[in-house]
Amino acid sequence: MHRLTIEVDRQLYRQLEQAAQVHHLSLEAECRRRLSGLECQSRYLQALLAEMRADADEERWRARDDDRVE
C-alpha cells in the first residue's frame, strides 16, 4: 500500500475533522471525498485516486479473506 503524508495547519485539520463527522466518514475518507471533487481537473489526481481506491479495495478483500480463514 502507498502512503500519502501531507502537512496541514491546525485550522484546516479541524475543518477536515468536523466535515468528516458531519458526513459520518473517517478523516481519510473525508480527504478522499474532497480530492475526488478535484478529480476531473487533474490527470495526476485521477491516477492517484484510482490507485488509492484500488488499495482500499485490496484491503477490503484481504480483510474478508482473513475473516473466512478464522
N, C-alpha and C. Protein backbone atom coordinates (compact mmCIF):
# COMPACT_ATOMS: atom_id res chain seq x y z
N MET A 1 0.84 -1.17 0.00
CA MET A 1 0.00 0.00 0.00
C MET A 1 0.89 1.23 0.00
N HIS A 2 0.47 2.23 -0.75
CA HIS A 2 1.20 3.50 -0.78
C HIS A 2 0.66 4.40 0.32
N ARG A 3 1.53 5.19 0.87
CA ARG A 3 1.13 6.11 1.94
C ARG A 3 1.37 7.53 1.45
N LEU A 4 0.39 8.37 1.67
CA LEU A 4 0.48 9.78 1.33
C LEU A 4 0.46 10.56 2.63
N THR A 5 1.48 11.35 2.85
CA THR A 5 1.56 12.16 4.06
C THR A 5 1.51 13.62 3.65
N ILE A 6 0.60 14.36 4.27
CA ILE A 6 0.51 15.78 3.99
C ILE A 6 0.57 16.55 5.31
N GLU A 7 1.04 17.75 5.23
CA GLU A 7 1.07 18.61 6.40
C GLU A 7 0.02 19.70 6.21
N VAL A 8 -0.82 19.87 7.21
CA VAL A 8 -1.85 20.92 7.16
C VAL A 8 -1.79 21.70 8.46
N ASP A 9 -2.24 22.94 8.39
CA ASP A 9 -2.24 23.72 9.61
C ASP A 9 -3.39 23.26 10.51
N ARG A 10 -3.36 23.69 11.74
CA ARG A 10 -4.32 23.24 12.75
C ARG A 10 -5.76 23.57 12.34
N GLN A 11 -5.99 24.75 11.78
CA GLN A 11 -7.33 25.16 11.39
C GLN A 11 -7.90 24.25 10.30
N LEU A 12 -7.11 23.96 9.28
CA LEU A 12 -7.58 23.08 8.22
C LEU A 12 -7.83 21.67 8.76
N TYR A 13 -6.96 21.20 9.65
CA TYR A 13 -7.14 19.88 10.23
C TYR A 13 -8.48 19.80 10.98
N ARG A 14 -8.77 20.82 11.75
CA ARG A 14 -10.04 20.85 12.49
C ARG A 14 -11.23 20.88 11.54
N GLN A 15 -11.10 21.64 10.45
CA GLN A 15 -12.18 21.70 9.46
C GLN A 15 -12.40 20.32 8.83
N LEU A 16 -11.32 19.63 8.53
CA LEU A 16 -11.43 18.29 7.96
C LEU A 16 -12.08 17.33 8.95
N GLU A 17 -11.68 17.42 10.21
CA GLU A 17 -12.28 16.56 11.24
C GLU A 17 -13.78 16.83 11.37
N GLN A 18 -14.16 18.10 11.39
CA GLN A 18 -15.57 18.44 11.53
C GLN A 18 -16.37 17.96 10.32
N ALA A 19 -15.82 18.15 9.13
CA ALA A 19 -16.51 17.70 7.92
C ALA A 19 -16.65 16.17 7.92
N ALA A 20 -15.63 15.48 8.38
CA ALA A 20 -15.69 14.02 8.46
C ALA A 20 -16.81 13.59 9.40
N GLN A 21 -16.94 14.26 10.52
CA GLN A 21 -18.01 13.93 11.46
C GLN A 21 -19.38 14.19 10.86
N VAL A 22 -19.52 15.33 10.19
CA VAL A 22 -20.80 15.69 9.57
C VAL A 22 -21.21 14.66 8.53
N HIS A 23 -20.24 14.18 7.76
CA HIS A 23 -20.52 13.22 6.69
C HIS A 23 -20.43 11.77 7.16
N HIS A 24 -20.20 11.57 8.46
CA HIS A 24 -20.08 10.22 9.04
C HIS A 24 -18.99 9.42 8.32
N LEU A 25 -17.83 10.05 8.17
CA LEU A 25 -16.70 9.43 7.50
C LEU A 25 -15.48 9.48 8.39
N SER A 26 -14.51 8.64 8.05
CA SER A 26 -13.21 8.76 8.70
C SER A 26 -12.51 9.99 8.12
N LEU A 27 -11.48 10.43 8.78
CA LEU A 27 -10.71 11.57 8.28
C LEU A 27 -10.14 11.25 6.90
N GLU A 28 -9.64 10.04 6.75
CA GLU A 28 -9.08 9.61 5.46
C GLU A 28 -10.16 9.64 4.37
N ALA A 29 -11.33 9.12 4.67
CA ALA A 29 -12.42 9.10 3.69
C ALA A 29 -12.86 10.52 3.32
N GLU A 30 -12.86 11.42 4.28
CA GLU A 30 -13.21 12.81 4.00
C GLU A 30 -12.18 13.45 3.07
N CYS A 31 -10.92 13.17 3.30
CA CYS A 31 -9.88 13.70 2.41
C CYS A 31 -10.06 13.14 1.00
N ARG A 32 -10.35 11.84 0.90
CA ARG A 32 -10.59 11.25 -0.42
C ARG A 32 -11.81 11.86 -1.09
N ARG A 33 -12.86 12.11 -0.29
CA ARG A 33 -14.08 12.71 -0.83
C ARG A 33 -13.76 14.08 -1.43
N ARG A 34 -12.98 14.84 -0.70
CA ARG A 34 -12.61 16.18 -1.19
C ARG A 34 -11.71 16.10 -2.41
N LEU A 35 -10.78 15.18 -2.41
CA LEU A 35 -9.91 15.02 -3.57
C LEU A 35 -10.69 14.59 -4.80
N SER A 36 -11.71 13.77 -4.60
CA SER A 36 -12.48 13.29 -5.76
C SER A 36 -13.20 14.44 -6.44
N GLY A 37 -13.50 15.50 -5.71
CA GLY A 37 -14.10 16.68 -6.33
C GLY A 37 -13.14 17.37 -7.29
N LEU A 38 -11.86 17.17 -7.09
CA LEU A 38 -10.83 17.75 -7.97
C LEU A 38 -10.42 16.78 -9.06
N GLU A 39 -10.95 15.59 -9.01
CA GLU A 39 -10.52 14.51 -9.90
C GLU A 39 -10.57 14.90 -11.37
N CYS A 40 -11.63 15.55 -11.78
CA CYS A 40 -11.77 15.87 -13.20
C CYS A 40 -10.81 16.96 -13.64
N GLN A 41 -10.16 17.63 -12.73
CA GLN A 41 -9.30 18.75 -13.07
C GLN A 41 -7.85 18.35 -13.31
N SER A 42 -7.46 17.15 -12.92
CA SER A 42 -6.05 16.79 -13.00
C SER A 42 -5.88 15.30 -13.30
N ARG A 43 -5.14 15.01 -14.35
CA ARG A 43 -4.87 13.59 -14.67
C ARG A 43 -4.04 12.94 -13.56
N TYR A 44 -3.16 13.70 -12.95
CA TYR A 44 -2.36 13.17 -11.84
C TYR A 44 -3.28 12.76 -10.69
N LEU A 45 -4.24 13.63 -10.33
CA LEU A 45 -5.17 13.29 -9.25
C LEU A 45 -6.04 12.11 -9.64
N GLN A 46 -6.42 12.00 -10.91
CA GLN A 46 -7.19 10.86 -11.36
C GLN A 46 -6.41 9.57 -11.11
N ALA A 47 -5.15 9.57 -11.47
CA ALA A 47 -4.32 8.39 -11.27
C ALA A 47 -4.10 8.09 -9.79
N LEU A 48 -3.86 9.11 -9.00
CA LEU A 48 -3.65 8.94 -7.57
C LEU A 48 -4.90 8.37 -6.91
N LEU A 49 -6.06 8.91 -7.22
CA LEU A 49 -7.31 8.41 -6.64
C LEU A 49 -7.61 6.99 -7.09
N ALA A 50 -7.34 6.68 -8.33
CA ALA A 50 -7.55 5.31 -8.81
C ALA A 50 -6.68 4.34 -8.03
N GLU A 51 -5.45 4.73 -7.78
CA GLU A 51 -4.54 3.89 -7.02
C GLU A 51 -5.00 3.73 -5.57
N MET A 52 -5.47 4.83 -4.97
CA MET A 52 -5.96 4.76 -3.59
C MET A 52 -7.20 3.87 -3.50
N ARG A 53 -8.10 3.98 -4.49
CA ARG A 53 -9.30 3.13 -4.49
C ARG A 53 -8.92 1.67 -4.64
N ALA A 54 -7.98 1.39 -5.52
CA ALA A 54 -7.54 0.01 -5.71
C ALA A 54 -6.92 -0.55 -4.43
N ASP A 55 -6.11 0.26 -3.76
CA ASP A 55 -5.52 -0.17 -2.50
C ASP A 55 -6.60 -0.43 -1.45
N ALA A 56 -7.60 0.44 -1.38
CA ALA A 56 -8.68 0.27 -0.41
C ALA A 56 -9.48 -1.00 -0.72
N ASP A 57 -9.74 -1.25 -2.00
CA ASP A 57 -10.45 -2.47 -2.39
C ASP A 57 -9.65 -3.71 -2.01
N GLU A 58 -8.36 -3.66 -2.24
CA GLU A 58 -7.49 -4.79 -1.90
C GLU A 58 -7.51 -5.05 -0.39
N GLU A 59 -7.46 -3.99 0.39
CA GLU A 59 -7.51 -4.14 1.85
C GLU A 59 -8.83 -4.77 2.28
N ARG A 60 -9.94 -4.36 1.64
CA ARG A 60 -11.24 -4.95 1.99
C ARG A 60 -11.27 -6.44 1.66
N TRP A 61 -10.72 -6.81 0.52
CA TRP A 61 -10.69 -8.23 0.15
C TRP A 61 -9.83 -9.03 1.11
N ARG A 62 -8.70 -8.47 1.49
CA ARG A 62 -7.83 -9.15 2.45
C ARG A 62 -8.54 -9.36 3.78
N ALA A 63 -9.24 -8.32 4.23
CA ALA A 63 -9.98 -8.42 5.49
C ALA A 63 -11.05 -9.50 5.40
N ARG A 64 -11.74 -9.57 4.28
CA ARG A 64 -12.76 -10.62 4.09
C ARG A 64 -12.13 -12.01 4.11
N ASP A 65 -10.99 -12.13 3.41
CA ASP A 65 -10.31 -13.42 3.38
C ASP A 65 -9.84 -13.83 4.77
N ASP A 66 -9.34 -12.86 5.54
CA ASP A 66 -8.89 -13.14 6.90
C ASP A 66 -10.05 -13.60 7.77
N ASP A 67 -11.22 -12.99 7.58
CA ASP A 67 -12.41 -13.39 8.34
C ASP A 67 -12.84 -14.80 7.98
N ARG A 68 -12.70 -15.18 6.74
CA ARG A 68 -13.11 -16.52 6.30
C ARG A 68 -12.17 -17.60 6.83
N VAL A 69 -10.89 -17.27 6.95
CA VAL A 69 -9.90 -18.24 7.40
C VAL A 69 -10.11 -18.60 8.86
N GLU A 70 -10.51 -17.65 9.65
CA GLU A 70 -10.68 -17.88 11.08
C GLU A 70 -11.88 -18.68 11.31
